[in-house]
Amino acid sequence: MMALFVMTVCSMIVITILDTQTLQFTALRNTMDYDRSRYLAESGVQHSLAFLEQDFAIIGIDKYDIPWTNAPDSNNQYMADLSEGAGGTVIIAAQGRSGNFTRRLEITVKMGG
């Protein structure tokens, strides 16, 4: 009887440890995807800023909107839209997608002074 009791207690401890580790792994993966989606959105912003450096008069031209683009060596994606804002500004709205997360960044750029 004592051996069955010890085996039961040990089994419960092992199952609890495995369950906790699985939960921590899932939380870590979600945190990484959440952060990665932000970095991907920033990639979309930087990609758009590169177009603006070449020519500030590109606003409203669809070919300069960045469609969903795969990040190098991954299935993660980013995209960006450029639109004209008030007072000669440009609004860049970018999104990054990683795992189950999509994050959005929006910046306003004013060229010159």
Protein backbone atom coordinates (compact mmCIF):
# COMPACT_ATOMS: atom_id res chain seq x y z
CA MET A 1 0.00 0.00 0.00
CA MET A 2 2.81 2.36 0.88
CA ALA A 3 4.45 1.83 -2.53
CA LEU A 4 1.19 2.69 -4.33
CA PHE A 5 0.82 5.83 -2.24
CA VAL A 6 4.40 6.97 -3.00
CA MET A 7 3.94 6.25 -6.73
CA THR A 8 0.69 8.24 -6.77
CA VAL A 9 2.27 11.22 -5.02
CA CYS A 10 5.32 11.13 -7.30
CA SER A 11 3.09 10.91 -10.38
CA MET A 12 1.05 13.91 -9.23
CA ILE A 13 4.22 15.93 -8.66
CA VAL A 14 5.57 15.05 -12.13
CA ILE A 15 2.25 15.91 -13.80
CA THR A 16 2.10 19.25 -11.95
CA ILE A 17 5.67 20.11 -12.98
CA LEU A 18 4.98 19.22 -16.63
CA ASP A 19 1.77 21.27 -16.62
CA THR A 20 3.57 24.27 -15.15
CA GLN A 21 6.40 24.01 -17.69
CA THR A 22 3.92 23.79 -20.57
CA LEU A 23 2.12 26.89 -19.31
CA GLN A 24 5.40 28.80 -18.97
CA PHE A 25 6.48 27.76 -22.46
CA THR A 26 3.18 28.97 -23.92
CA ALA A 27 3.47 32.28 -22.09
CA LEU A 28 7.03 32.74 -23.35
CA ARG A 29 6.01 31.99 -26.94
CA ASN A 30 3.16 34.51 -26.72
CA THR A 31 5.49 37.15 -25.29
CA MET A 32 7.98 36.57 -28.08
CA ASP A 33 5.27 36.79 -30.78
CA TYR A 34 3.87 39.96 -29.17
CA ASP A 35 7.28 41.65 -29.16
CA ARG A 36 8.17 40.35 -32.63
CA SER A 37 4.96 41.79 -34.10
CA ARG A 38 5.97 45.23 -32.76
CA TYR A 39 9.41 44.93 -34.34
CA LEU A 40 7.83 43.90 -37.62
CA ALA A 41 5.56 46.94 -37.55
CA GLU A 42 8.66 49.06 -37.01
CA SER A 43 10.17 47.36 -40.08
CA GLY A 44 7.18 48.54 -42.10
CA VAL A 45 7.71 52.09 -40.85
CA GLN A 46 11.41 51.98 -41.76
CA HIS A 47 10.62 50.53 -45.19
CA SER A 48 8.21 53.40 -45.82
CA LEU A 49 10.71 55.98 -44.58
CA ALA A 50 13.21 54.63 -47.11
CA PHE A 51 10.69 55.39 -49.89
CA LEU A 52 10.12 58.88 -48.48
CA GLU A 53 13.85 59.58 -48.46
CA GLN A 54 13.94 58.87 -52.18
CA ASP A 55 10.95 61.07 -53.04
CA PHE A 56 8.64 62.92 -50.67
CA ALA A 57 6.07 63.41 -53.46
CA ILE A 58 5.06 59.73 -53.52
CA ILE A 59 2.06 60.08 -51.23
CA GLY A 60 -1.12 58.63 -52.69
CA ILE A 61 0.70 56.47 -55.21
CA ASP A 62 -0.41 52.92 -54.47
CA LYS A 63 2.80 51.34 -55.70
CA TYR A 64 4.59 52.80 -52.68
CA ASP A 65 2.17 51.25 -50.19
CA ILE A 66 3.91 48.17 -48.88
CA PRO A 67 1.73 45.03 -49.13
CA TRP A 68 2.07 42.19 -46.65
CA THR A 69 5.72 41.26 -46.91
CA ASN A 70 7.44 38.26 -45.35
CA ALA A 71 10.29 39.10 -43.05
CA PRO A 72 13.56 37.41 -44.04
CA ASP A 73 13.86 33.76 -42.94
CA SER A 74 10.42 33.59 -41.30
CA ASN A 75 6.67 33.41 -41.83
CA ASN A 76 6.22 36.72 -40.02
CA GLN A 77 4.91 39.66 -42.02
CA TYR A 78 4.66 43.44 -42.08
CA MET A 79 2.86 46.02 -44.21
CA ALA A 80 2.55 49.80 -44.40
CA ASP A 81 0.32 52.44 -45.94
CA LEU A 82 1.38 56.00 -46.67
CA SER A 83 -1.22 58.75 -46.71
CA GLU A 84 -1.24 62.51 -46.79
CA GLY A 85 -1.83 64.26 -43.48
CA ALA A 86 -2.62 67.82 -42.49
CA GLY A 87 -0.11 70.60 -43.04
CA GLY A 88 2.11 68.80 -45.49
CA THR A 89 2.71 65.80 -43.27
CA VAL A 90 2.78 62.14 -44.18
CA ILE A 91 1.08 59.49 -42.08
CA ILE A 92 2.62 56.04 -42.10
CA ALA A 93 0.41 53.27 -40.71
CA ALA A 94 2.30 49.99 -40.38
CA GLN A 95 1.30 46.60 -39.05
CA GLY A 96 3.37 43.60 -38.00
CA ARG A 97 2.03 40.06 -37.72
CA SER A 98 3.66 37.24 -35.78
CA GLY A 99 1.86 34.13 -34.57
CA ASN A 100 -1.55 35.17 -33.21
CA PHE A 101 -0.59 38.82 -32.75
CA THR A 102 -0.94 41.83 -35.02
CA ARG A 103 0.34 45.18 -33.81
CA ARG A 104 -0.15 48.55 -35.46
CA LEU A 105 2.08 51.62 -35.41
CA GLU A 106 1.20 54.98 -36.84
CA ILE A 107 3.65 57.84 -37.20
CA THR A 108 3.41 61.32 -38.65
CA VAL A 109 6.36 62.67 -40.62
CA LYS A 110 6.96 66.29 -41.57
CA MET A 111 9.78 66.98 -43.99
CA GLY A 112 11.81 70.15 -43.74
CA GLY A 113 11.19 72.72 -41.04
